[in-house]
């Protein structure tokens, strides 16, 4: 499915070029694990994690509503963004067959999306969505157990989906 020039909006020109044709959320990107980086997860209080993720969620909403004026384009782009989280959820539950991690090179751009006053920039960050995964880091140290975790994670996922009003 192509979204190039969707609805006749010029802002949708070359939409499919970011992740590539038939790769809406980047799910089919090649993953290249950066063996030179050794990252170990460390437990943080859940409230701190919830705060950090809330900031990212609200910032995503800021980006979409301040930098896209067409509501149809807002809808397509935000749904594409959310689809990437669905993909990551499948990684976390180990149902995707892919490793669990993140692209460290892309994550390093976090400070480049706003200026010193906190206003959004319109800078080209110099990457395509199809390159996401080429500097992949897999933090070690989690408690995944291949015997018991599929069941316990499945239960946690179902409960979380129910709490969020989503079907699993």
Protein backbone atom coordinates (compact mmCIF):
# COMPACT_ATOMS: atom_id res chain seq x y z
CA UNK A 1 0.00 0.00 0.00
CA UNK A 2 1.32 3.41 -0.93
CA UNK A 3 0.68 6.71 0.84
CA UNK A 4 2.71 8.82 -1.60
CA UNK A 5 0.66 11.94 -2.37
CA UNK A 6 -2.23 10.59 -0.28
CA UNK A 7 -5.31 12.75 -0.61
CA UNK A 8 -3.45 15.03 -3.01
CA UNK A 9 -1.50 16.56 -0.13
CA UNK A 10 1.93 17.82 -1.12
CA UNK A 11 3.18 17.02 2.37
CA UNK A 12 2.61 13.33 1.55
CA UNK A 13 4.96 13.48 -1.42
CA UNK A 14 7.60 10.76 -1.03
CA UNK A 15 5.96 9.38 2.14
CA UNK A 16 6.90 5.83 1.15
CA UNK A 17 10.57 6.76 0.69
CA UNK A 18 11.19 7.08 4.43
CA UNK A 19 10.85 3.41 5.39
CA UNK A 20 10.63 2.08 1.87
CA UNK A 21 7.78 0.68 -0.16
CA UNK A 22 5.64 -1.90 1.68
CA UNK A 23 7.48 -1.20 4.95
CA UNK A 24 4.97 1.17 6.60
CA UNK A 25 6.47 1.14 10.11
CA UNK A 26 10.01 -0.06 9.43
CA UNK A 27 9.19 -3.57 10.63
CA UNK A 28 11.08 -5.11 7.72
CA UNK A 29 14.27 -3.11 8.26
CA UNK A 30 17.50 -5.07 8.50
CA UNK A 31 18.83 -5.23 12.05
CA UNK A 32 22.58 -5.00 12.50
CA UNK A 33 23.64 -5.46 16.11
CA UNK A 34 26.47 -3.16 17.18
CA UNK A 35 28.74 -5.65 18.94
CA UNK A 36 31.05 -2.85 20.13
CA UNK A 37 28.41 -1.48 22.51
CA UNK A 38 27.70 -3.39 25.68
CA UNK A 39 24.63 -2.04 27.43
CA UNK A 40 23.17 -3.65 30.53
CA UNK A 41 19.68 -2.79 31.68
CA UNK A 42 19.32 -1.45 35.19
CA UNK A 43 16.10 -1.22 37.12
CA UNK A 44 14.58 2.20 37.62
CA UNK A 45 11.41 3.01 39.53
CA UNK A 46 8.36 2.59 37.34
CA UNK A 47 7.25 6.18 38.07
CA UNK A 48 10.44 7.57 36.49
CA UNK A 49 9.92 5.39 33.40
CA UNK A 50 6.26 6.45 33.18
CA UNK A 51 7.30 10.12 33.40
CA UNK A 52 9.91 9.74 30.66
CA UNK A 53 7.51 7.91 28.35
CA UNK A 54 4.76 10.48 29.04
CA UNK A 55 7.15 13.24 27.96
CA UNK A 56 7.92 11.35 24.74
CA UNK A 57 4.20 10.75 24.10
CA UNK A 58 3.32 14.42 24.60
CA UNK A 59 6.29 15.51 22.49
CA UNK A 60 5.09 13.25 19.67
CA UNK A 61 1.69 14.92 19.89
CA UNK A 62 3.39 18.33 19.80
CA UNK A 63 5.34 17.35 16.67
CA UNK A 64 2.24 16.06 14.88
CA UNK A 65 -0.08 18.95 15.78
CA UNK A 66 2.42 21.79 15.32
CA UNK A 67 4.15 20.58 12.17
CA UNK A 68 1.33 18.96 10.18
CA UNK A 69 -1.72 21.07 9.37
CA UNK A 70 -3.79 18.56 7.39
CA UNK A 71 -5.76 16.34 9.78
CA UNK A 72 -5.67 13.42 7.34
CA UNK A 73 -1.87 13.60 7.21
CA UNK A 74 -1.72 13.90 11.02
CA UNK A 75 -3.75 10.69 11.20
CA UNK A 76 -1.61 8.72 8.76
CA UNK A 77 1.72 9.86 10.23
CA UNK A 78 0.69 9.32 13.84
CA UNK A 79 -0.74 5.90 13.03
CA UNK A 80 2.57 5.03 11.37
CA UNK A 81 4.35 6.13 14.56
CA UNK A 82 2.05 4.02 16.76
CA UNK A 83 2.51 1.05 14.44
CA UNK A 84 6.22 1.11 15.26
CA UNK A 85 5.34 0.76 18.95
CA UNK A 86 3.11 -2.20 18.14
CA UNK A 87 6.10 -3.76 16.38
CA UNK A 88 8.27 -3.15 19.45
CA UNK A 89 5.59 -4.68 21.66
CA UNK A 90 5.86 -7.84 19.57
CA UNK A 91 9.61 -7.77 20.16
CA UNK A 92 9.14 -7.36 23.92
CA UNK A 93 6.80 -10.36 24.07
CA UNK A 94 9.28 -12.28 21.90
CA UNK A 95 6.48 -13.06 19.44
CA UNK A 96 8.14 -11.28 16.49
CA UNK A 97 11.26 -13.43 16.38
CA UNK A 98 13.34 -10.26 16.40
CA UNK A 99 15.71 -9.17 19.12
CA UNK A 100 14.77 -6.57 21.72
CA UNK A 101 16.67 -3.33 21.51
CA UNK A 102 16.93 0.04 19.80
CA UNK A 103 18.97 1.92 17.23
CA UNK A 104 21.50 3.88 19.26
CA UNK A 105 22.41 6.16 16.38
CA UNK A 106 18.80 7.25 15.85
CA UNK A 107 18.15 7.59 19.59
CA UNK A 108 21.14 9.94 19.83
CA UNK A 109 19.21 12.54 17.79
CA UNK A 110 16.80 13.24 20.66
CA UNK A 111 18.39 16.61 21.41
CA UNK A 112 18.31 17.67 17.75
CA UNK A 113 14.55 17.89 17.38
CA UNK A 114 14.26 21.09 19.41
CA UNK A 115 16.29 24.24 19.84
CA UNK A 116 17.65 25.69 23.09
CA UNK A 117 14.30 27.36 23.85
CA UNK A 118 12.43 24.07 23.43
CA UNK A 119 10.86 24.97 20.09
CA UNK A 120 10.71 22.29 17.41
CA UNK A 121 13.30 22.53 14.68
CA UNK A 122 12.82 21.69 11.04
CA UNK A 123 16.33 20.28 10.65
CA UNK A 124 16.93 17.29 8.40
CA UNK A 125 18.50 14.81 10.80
CA UNK A 126 20.28 13.04 7.96
CA UNK A 127 18.77 9.56 8.01
CA UNK A 128 16.01 7.58 6.34
CA UNK A 129 13.65 5.29 8.23
CA UNK A 130 15.05 2.37 6.26
CA UNK A 131 18.38 2.83 8.08
CA UNK A 132 16.79 2.38 11.52
CA UNK A 133 18.19 -0.82 12.96
CA UNK A 134 21.64 -0.51 11.42
CA UNK A 135 23.19 0.48 14.78
CA UNK A 136 21.13 -1.80 16.98
CA UNK A 137 21.92 -2.25 20.65
CA UNK A 138 20.49 -5.17 22.63
CA UNK A 139 20.69 -4.42 26.33
CA UNK A 140 21.48 -7.50 28.38
CA UNK A 141 20.57 -8.29 31.97
CA UNK A 142 16.81 -8.75 31.69
CA UNK A 143 15.04 -11.63 33.42
CA UNK A 144 13.73 -13.41 30.28
CA UNK A 145 13.48 -17.14 30.87
CA UNK A 146 12.53 -19.19 27.83
CA UNK A 147 10.66 -21.71 29.98
CA UNK A 148 8.47 -19.41 32.07
CA UNK A 149 8.53 -15.96 30.46
CA UNK A 150 6.31 -16.70 27.44
CA UNK A 151 3.44 -17.44 29.82
CA UNK A 152 4.13 -14.68 32.36
CA UNK A 153 4.73 -12.06 29.67
CA UNK A 154 1.61 -13.19 27.82
CA UNK A 155 -0.43 -12.74 30.99
CA UNK A 156 1.10 -9.32 31.66
CA UNK A 157 0.43 -8.26 28.07
CA UNK A 158 -3.21 -9.40 28.18
CA UNK A 159 -3.80 -7.62 31.47
CA UNK A 160 -2.16 -4.41 30.20
CA UNK A 161 -4.20 -4.55 26.98
CA UNK A 162 -7.41 -4.98 29.00
CA UNK A 163 -6.50 -2.09 31.31
CA UNK A 164 -5.94 0.11 28.27
CA UNK A 165 -9.26 -0.88 26.74
CA UNK A 166 -7.50 -2.73 23.91
CA UNK A 167 -8.11 -6.24 22.70
CA UNK A 168 -5.18 -8.60 22.53
